């Protein structure tokens, strides 16, 4: 299947349930949709949901930099095409917009291959149709104390056995501890609680507050410090009993190497928008070799395919931002 054309479309759709993170103001779901057309008539589709604007820049990156590299190439050589894009854009950097644009194309290429084989990707990759553990995400700090608990209770009412809540940024340390304490009291001991800091603390703060949160049996403490503060991650992991996790703001397996080497971050959370399916699978393999598990960041419409096909899955994050956009085939 030879690539004959690549088309891009910019879409903007209002959120049904806008994220209230306390540091991002998001009113619309901004998507870059990419279509890869082949000479056999198969069209693969991917999309990019970057959460931070720059949509026209991303579209231009696809059209000017990456499309010329792919036209005339065989879509069945997906990993080779990823490497072709990677090696041809090193001057532009190994992170950021270039890799995000590559990700949308990579997803579209895999979609084209799956369609040509009439197989879902998890099956194409040798996975099994086993049930996936899913947690409800979206108990935003911007909802406040009561709002977070009500959102969590709705998730539990829908059958979720685990939820994720947010701390830091809008709250004092004492308020964070009280919010987690009250969430545990409201949900009981049978529901798992994940806590997301969104890079909001220093190492010292994370150790101080993390030791207090240990009391409430939370399943993990996510992104306690800035993503590139690997020393901080490892120091916190050594100091508290709650598992420390992260990875959503890292680009490719190269960026995650300190976590593979240390083995102190038991669950990694790579993002399909920061490397595509091809790189997610590479990250999962490196993590497996290091004894780590994978709980991909957001986008369950993509992430479910991955964790159904790897030997080291953890959790699937459910964030229903785009549920109203999908149509059952």
Protein backbone atom coordinates (compact mmCIF):
# COMPACT_ATOMS: atom_id res chain seq x y z
CA UNK A 1 0.00 0.00 0.00
CA UNK A 2 1.73 3.12 -1.25
CA UNK A 3 0.94 6.49 0.32
CA UNK A 4 -0.66 8.66 -2.34
CA UNK A 5 -1.85 11.61 -0.26
CA UNK A 6 -1.88 13.03 3.27
CA UNK A 7 -4.67 15.39 4.28
CA UNK A 8 -5.05 17.45 7.45
CA UNK A 9 -8.11 18.99 9.09
CA UNK A 10 -8.36 21.32 12.09
CA UNK A 11 -11.41 20.80 14.28
CA UNK A 12 -12.61 22.68 17.35
CA UNK A 13 -15.51 21.30 19.39
CA UNK A 14 -16.78 22.48 22.80
CA UNK A 15 -16.07 20.27 25.79
CA UNK A 16 -19.08 18.63 27.38
CA UNK A 17 -17.15 18.49 30.68
CA UNK A 18 -14.37 21.11 30.47
CA UNK A 19 -11.20 20.25 32.41
CA UNK A 20 -10.89 22.39 35.53
CA UNK A 21 -7.24 21.81 36.30
CA UNK A 22 -6.61 25.17 37.92
CA UNK A 23 -3.73 26.05 35.59
CA UNK A 24 -5.09 25.41 32.06
CA UNK A 25 -8.11 27.19 30.63
CA UNK A 26 -9.60 24.84 28.05
CA UNK A 27 -12.96 25.58 26.46
CA UNK A 28 -12.74 23.63 23.21
CA UNK A 29 -11.37 20.28 22.11
CA UNK A 30 -8.86 21.31 19.44
CA UNK A 31 -7.91 18.44 17.16
CA UNK A 32 -5.57 18.01 14.23
CA UNK A 33 -6.99 15.15 12.18
CA UNK A 34 -4.65 13.43 9.72
CA UNK A 35 -5.75 11.15 6.88
CA UNK A 36 -3.23 8.95 5.08
CA UNK A 37 -4.58 7.74 1.73
CA UNK A 38 -3.09 4.77 -0.09
CA UNK A 39 -3.14 3.66 -3.71
CA UNK A 40 -5.29 0.69 -2.70
CA UNK A 41 -8.06 2.98 -1.47
CA UNK A 42 -7.44 2.36 2.24
CA UNK A 43 -7.43 5.55 4.31
CA UNK A 44 -5.90 5.59 7.78
CA UNK A 45 -6.91 8.26 10.28
CA UNK A 46 -5.08 9.69 13.27
CA UNK A 47 -5.55 12.76 15.38
CA UNK A 48 -3.65 14.98 17.74
CA UNK A 49 -5.17 16.56 20.84
CA UNK A 50 -2.26 18.56 22.29
CA UNK A 51 -4.15 20.51 25.02
CA UNK A 52 -1.95 23.57 24.51
CA UNK A 53 -2.82 25.29 21.24
CA UNK A 54 -0.42 25.72 18.33
CA UNK A 55 -2.75 23.83 16.01
CA UNK A 56 -1.82 25.63 12.79
CA UNK A 57 1.85 25.19 13.62
CA UNK A 58 1.34 21.46 14.07
CA UNK A 59 -0.60 21.25 10.82
CA UNK A 60 2.16 23.09 8.97
CA UNK A 61 4.73 20.71 10.45
CA UNK A 62 2.82 17.76 8.99
CA UNK A 63 2.35 19.38 5.60
CA UNK A 64 5.77 21.00 5.11
CA UNK A 65 8.19 18.72 6.96
CA UNK A 66 6.69 15.26 7.22
CA UNK A 67 4.33 14.74 4.29
CA UNK A 68 7.16 14.93 1.70
CA UNK A 69 8.99 12.18 3.60
CA UNK A 70 6.04 9.79 3.39
CA UNK A 71 4.47 10.28 -0.04
CA UNK A 72 5.34 7.27 -2.21
CA UNK A 73 6.32 5.11 0.77
CA UNK A 74 4.78 1.76 1.74
CA UNK A 75 2.37 2.09 4.69
CA UNK A 76 3.12 -1.47 5.76
CA UNK A 77 6.59 -0.37 6.91
CA UNK A 78 5.26 1.66 9.82
CA UNK A 79 8.27 1.39 12.14
CA UNK A 80 10.65 2.22 9.29
CA UNK A 81 8.58 5.27 8.40
CA UNK A 82 8.67 6.43 12.03
CA UNK A 83 12.46 6.13 11.93
CA UNK A 84 12.58 7.98 8.61
CA UNK A 85 10.69 10.91 10.14
CA UNK A 86 12.80 10.80 13.29
CA UNK A 87 16.13 10.82 11.49
CA UNK A 88 15.04 13.50 9.00
CA UNK A 89 13.95 16.01 11.64
CA UNK A 90 16.73 15.85 14.22
CA UNK A 91 17.71 19.46 13.50
CA UNK A 92 14.28 20.56 14.75
CA UNK A 93 14.80 18.75 18.06
CA UNK A 94 13.85 15.48 19.69
CA UNK A 95 10.83 16.77 21.59
CA UNK A 96 7.89 19.09 21.15
CA UNK A 97 5.94 19.94 18.03
CA UNK A 98 7.88 17.78 15.59
CA UNK A 99 7.38 14.57 17.57
CA UNK A 100 3.73 15.43 18.23
CA UNK A 101 3.12 15.87 14.50
CA UNK A 102 4.89 12.56 13.87
CA UNK A 103 2.55 10.95 16.39
CA UNK A 104 -0.61 11.83 14.48
CA UNK A 105 0.88 10.41 11.29
CA UNK A 106 2.10 7.29 13.05
CA UNK A 107 -1.39 6.59 14.43
CA UNK A 108 -2.86 7.09 10.95
CA UNK A 109 -0.31 4.70 9.44
CA UNK A 110 -1.12 2.00 11.98
CA UNK A 111 -4.83 2.60 11.38
CA UNK A 112 -4.31 2.08 7.65
CA UNK A 113 -2.44 -1.16 8.29
CA UNK A 114 -5.12 -2.43 10.66
CA UNK A 115 -7.85 -1.59 8.16
CA UNK A 116 -6.00 -3.36 5.36
CA UNK A 117 -5.73 -6.50 7.49
CA UNK A 118 -9.28 -6.09 8.84
CA UNK A 119 -7.92 -6.41 12.38
CA UNK A 120 -7.96 -4.17 15.45
CA UNK A 121 -4.46 -3.11 16.41
CA UNK A 122 -4.39 -5.06 19.67
CA UNK A 123 -4.94 -8.22 17.61
CA UNK A 124 -2.45 -7.19 14.94
CA UNK A 125 0.12 -6.80 17.72
CA UNK A 126 -0.63 -10.24 19.17
CA UNK A 127 -2.76 -9.19 22.12
CA UNK A 128 -5.66 -10.91 23.83
CA UNK A 129 -9.27 -9.70 24.25
CA UNK A 130 -9.09 -9.76 28.05
CA UNK A 131 -10.90 -7.21 30.25
CA UNK A 132 -8.83 -4.09 30.95
CA UNK A 133 -8.62 -2.42 34.38
CA UNK A 134 -9.89 1.15 34.03
CA UNK A 135 -9.85 4.10 36.44
CA UNK A 136 -12.04 7.19 36.29
CA UNK A 137 -10.01 10.34 35.79
CA UNK A 138 -11.33 13.87 36.03
CA UNK A 139 -11.80 14.67 39.71
CA UNK A 140 -10.32 18.09 38.95
CA UNK A 141 -8.95 20.33 41.68
CA UNK A 142 -10.95 23.17 40.11
CA UNK A 143 -14.13 21.40 41.25
CA UNK A 144 -13.15 22.04 44.85
CA UNK A 145 -13.34 19.66 47.81
CA UNK A 146 -17.01 18.73 47.44
CA UNK A 147 -16.97 18.68 43.65
CA UNK A 148 -14.07 16.23 43.49
CA UNK A 149 -15.83 13.86 45.85
CA UNK A 150 -19.11 14.08 43.93
CA UNK A 151 -17.30 13.35 40.66
CA UNK A 152 -15.58 10.36 42.23
CA UNK A 153 -18.87 9.05 43.57
CA UNK A 154 -20.34 9.28 40.06
CA UNK A 155 -17.47 7.19 38.75
CA UNK A 156 -18.05 4.59 41.46
CA UNK A 157 -21.75 4.57 40.63
CA UNK A 158 -20.82 3.77 37.03
CA UNK A 159 -18.85 0.74 38.19
CA UNK A 160 -15.30 2.09 38.36
CA UNK A 161 -13.13 0.49 41.03
CA UNK A 162 -10.52 3.26 40.99
CA UNK A 163 -10.47 7.05 40.55
CA UNK A 164 -7.87 9.78 40.23
CA UNK A 165 -8.04 13.14 42.01
CA UNK A 166 -5.84 16.22 41.79
CA UNK A 167 -3.86 18.10 44.42
CA UNK A 168 -1.50 21.12 44.55
CA UNK A 169 -1.67 24.35 42.52
CA UNK A 170 -4.96 25.64 44.02
CA UNK A 171 -4.59 24.14 47.49
CA UNK A 172 -2.35 24.44 50.52
CA UNK A 173 -0.60 21.31 51.72
CA UNK A 174 -3.03 20.96 54.61
CA UNK A 175 -5.97 21.25 52.20
CA UNK A 176 -4.44 18.60 49.95
CA UNK A 177 -4.13 16.16 52.83
CA UNK A 178 -7.67 16.92 54.00
CA UNK A 179 -9.06 16.43 50.49
CA UNK A 180 -7.42 13.02 50.16
CA UNK A 181 -8.51 12.04 53.67
CA UNK A 182 -12.11 12.98 52.95
CA UNK A 183 -12.06 11.26 49.56
CA UNK A 184 -10.94 8.06 51.26
CA UNK A 185 -13.66 8.42 53.89
CA UNK A 186 -16.30 8.97 51.19
CA UNK A 187 -15.26 6.06 48.97
CA UNK A 188 -14.19 3.52 51.56
CA UNK A 189 -11.27 1.13 51.43
CA UNK A 190 -12.36 -0.94 48.41
CA UNK A 191 -11.94 1.84 45.84
CA UNK A 192 -8.42 2.66 44.69
CA UNK A 193 -7.43 6.34 44.74
CA UNK A 194 -4.69 7.79 42.56
CA UNK A 195 -3.39 11.30 43.32
CA UNK A 196 -2.08 13.62 40.59
CA UNK A 197 0.15 16.58 41.47
CA UNK A 198 0.66 17.77 37.87
CA UNK A 199 4.27 18.76 38.64
CA UNK A 200 3.08 21.13 41.37
CA UNK A 201 5.54 20.53 44.21
CA UNK A 202 9.22 20.72 45.00
CA UNK A 203 11.02 17.57 46.09
CA UNK A 204 10.90 18.67 49.72
CA UNK A 205 7.18 19.44 49.54
CA UNK A 206 6.45 16.12 47.87
CA UNK A 207 8.26 14.20 50.59
CA UNK A 208 6.54 16.14 53.38
CA UNK A 209 3.02 15.84 51.96
CA UNK A 210 3.62 12.39 50.49
CA UNK A 211 4.46 10.97 53.92
CA UNK A 212 1.15 12.30 55.22
CA UNK A 213 -0.74 10.82 52.27
CA UNK A 214 0.86 7.42 52.91
CA UNK A 215 -1.67 7.03 55.72
CA UNK A 216 -4.59 6.90 53.30
CA UNK A 217 -3.49 3.97 51.17
CA UNK A 218 -3.39 5.76 47.83
CA UNK A 219 -2.33 3.70 44.82
CA UNK A 220 0.16 6.18 43.43
CA UNK A 221 1.47 9.75 43.60
CA UNK A 222 1.67 11.08 40.05
CA UNK A 223 4.08 13.69 38.68
CA UNK A 224 5.02 15.18 42.07
CA UNK A 225 7.75 17.40 40.58
CA UNK A 226 8.77 18.79 37.20
CA UNK A 227 8.99 16.09 34.57
CA UNK A 228 12.72 16.51 33.97
CA UNK A 229 13.64 16.43 37.67
CA UNK A 230 14.67 12.79 37.64
CA UNK A 231 16.74 13.15 40.81
CA UNK A 232 13.67 14.56 42.57
CA UNK A 233 11.52 11.65 41.42
CA UNK A 234 14.01 9.15 42.74
CA UNK A 235 14.51 10.96 46.06
CA UNK A 236 10.75 11.07 46.64
CA UNK A 237 10.37 7.40 45.70
CA UNK A 238 12.99 6.51 48.31
CA UNK A 239 11.33 8.65 51.00
CA UNK A 240 7.65 7.64 50.87
CA UNK A 241 5.85 4.31 50.78
CA UNK A 242 3.31 5.29 48.10
CA UNK A 243 4.50 4.40 44.57
CA UNK A 244 5.65 7.43 42.57
CA UNK A 245 4.68 7.43 38.89
CA UNK A 246 5.07 9.68 35.85
CA UNK A 247 6.03 9.89 32.21
CA UNK A 248 3.18 11.71 30.47
CA UNK A 249 5.31 14.76 29.65
CA UNK A 250 8.29 12.81 28.35
CA UNK A 251 8.99 12.32 24.66
CA UNK A 252 10.07 8.86 23.44
CA UNK A 253 11.99 6.15 25.25
CA UNK A 254 15.19 8.22 25.12
CA UNK A 255 13.64 10.77 27.48
CA UNK A 256 12.59 8.03 29.92
CA UNK A 257 15.97 6.33 30.18
CA UNK A 258 16.67 7.47 33.78
CA UNK A 259 13.49 5.69 34.89
CA UNK A 260 14.41 2.50 33.04
CA UNK A 261 17.85 2.52 34.66
CA UNK A 262 16.77 3.26 38.24
CA UNK A 263 13.71 1.02 38.36
CA UNK A 264 12.33 3.23 41.15
CA UNK A 265 9.27 4.44 39.23
CA UNK A 266 7.20 1.23 38.99
CA UNK A 267 4.56 2.52 36.55
CA UNK A 268 5.24 4.72 33.54
CA UNK A 269 2.57 6.82 31.84
CA UNK A 270 3.68 7.53 28.27
CA UNK A 271 1.43 9.62 26.05
CA UNK A 272 0.52 8.51 22.52
CA UNK A 273 0.65 12.17 21.45
CA UNK A 274 4.38 12.21 22.25
CA UNK A 275 5.64 9.50 19.94
CA UNK A 276 2.68 7.67 18.47
CA UNK A 277 1.91 3.97 18.71
CA UNK A 278 5.33 2.98 17.41
CA UNK A 279 7.16 4.69 20.23
CA UNK A 280 4.60 3.63 22.86
CA UNK A 281 5.36 0.03 21.97
CA UNK A 282 9.09 0.67 22.25
CA UNK A 283 8.60 2.30 25.65
CA UNK A 284 6.48 -0.64 26.80
CA UNK A 285 9.21 -3.08 25.78
CA UNK A 286 11.94 -1.12 27.57
CA UNK A 287 9.70 -0.91 30.63
CA UNK A 288 9.07 -4.65 30.51
CA UNK A 289 12.80 -5.35 30.41
CA UNK A 290 13.23 -3.06 33.43
CA UNK A 291 10.39 -4.70 35.37
CA UNK A 292 8.09 -1.66 35.06
CA UNK A 293 4.45 -1.47 34.04
CA UNK A 294 2.58 0.83 31.68
CA UNK A 295 -0.49 2.99 32.37
CA UNK A 296 -0.77 5.29 29.33
CA UNK A 297 -1.73 8.91 29.77
CA UNK A 298 -5.27 9.81 28.67
CA UNK A 299 -6.81 9.03 25.27
CA UNK A 300 -8.38 5.62 26.01
CA UNK A 301 -9.49 5.38 22.38
CA UNK A 302 -5.80 4.86 21.59
CA UNK A 303 -4.38 3.52 24.84
CA UNK A 304 -6.74 0.53 25.05
CA UNK A 305 -5.18 -0.92 21.89
CA UNK A 306 -1.74 -0.73 23.45
CA UNK A 307 -2.36 -2.15 26.89
CA UNK A 308 -4.39 -5.03 25.44
CA UNK A 309 -1.28 -6.08 23.53
CA UNK A 310 1.62 -5.75 25.97
CA UNK A 311 2.81 -8.09 28.75
CA UNK A 312 3.15 -5.33 31.38
CA UNK A 313 -0.10 -3.32 31.49
CA UNK A 314 -1.22 -1.47 34.60
CA UNK A 315 -4.31 0.74 34.26
CA UNK A 316 -6.26 2.35 31.43
CA UNK A 317 -7.10 5.99 32.15
CA UNK A 318 -10.67 6.91 31.27
CA UNK A 319 -11.25 10.58 30.51
CA UNK A 320 -14.44 10.95 28.52
CA UNK A 321 -13.58 14.24 26.84
CA UNK A 322 -14.18 12.99 23.32
CA UNK A 323 -16.93 10.43 23.90
CA UNK A 324 -19.48 12.61 22.11
CA UNK A 325 -17.29 12.73 18.99
CA UNK A 326 -17.04 9.01 18.28
CA UNK A 327 -19.45 6.97 16.19
CA UNK A 328 -19.56 3.18 16.47
CA UNK A 329 -18.42 1.62 13.15
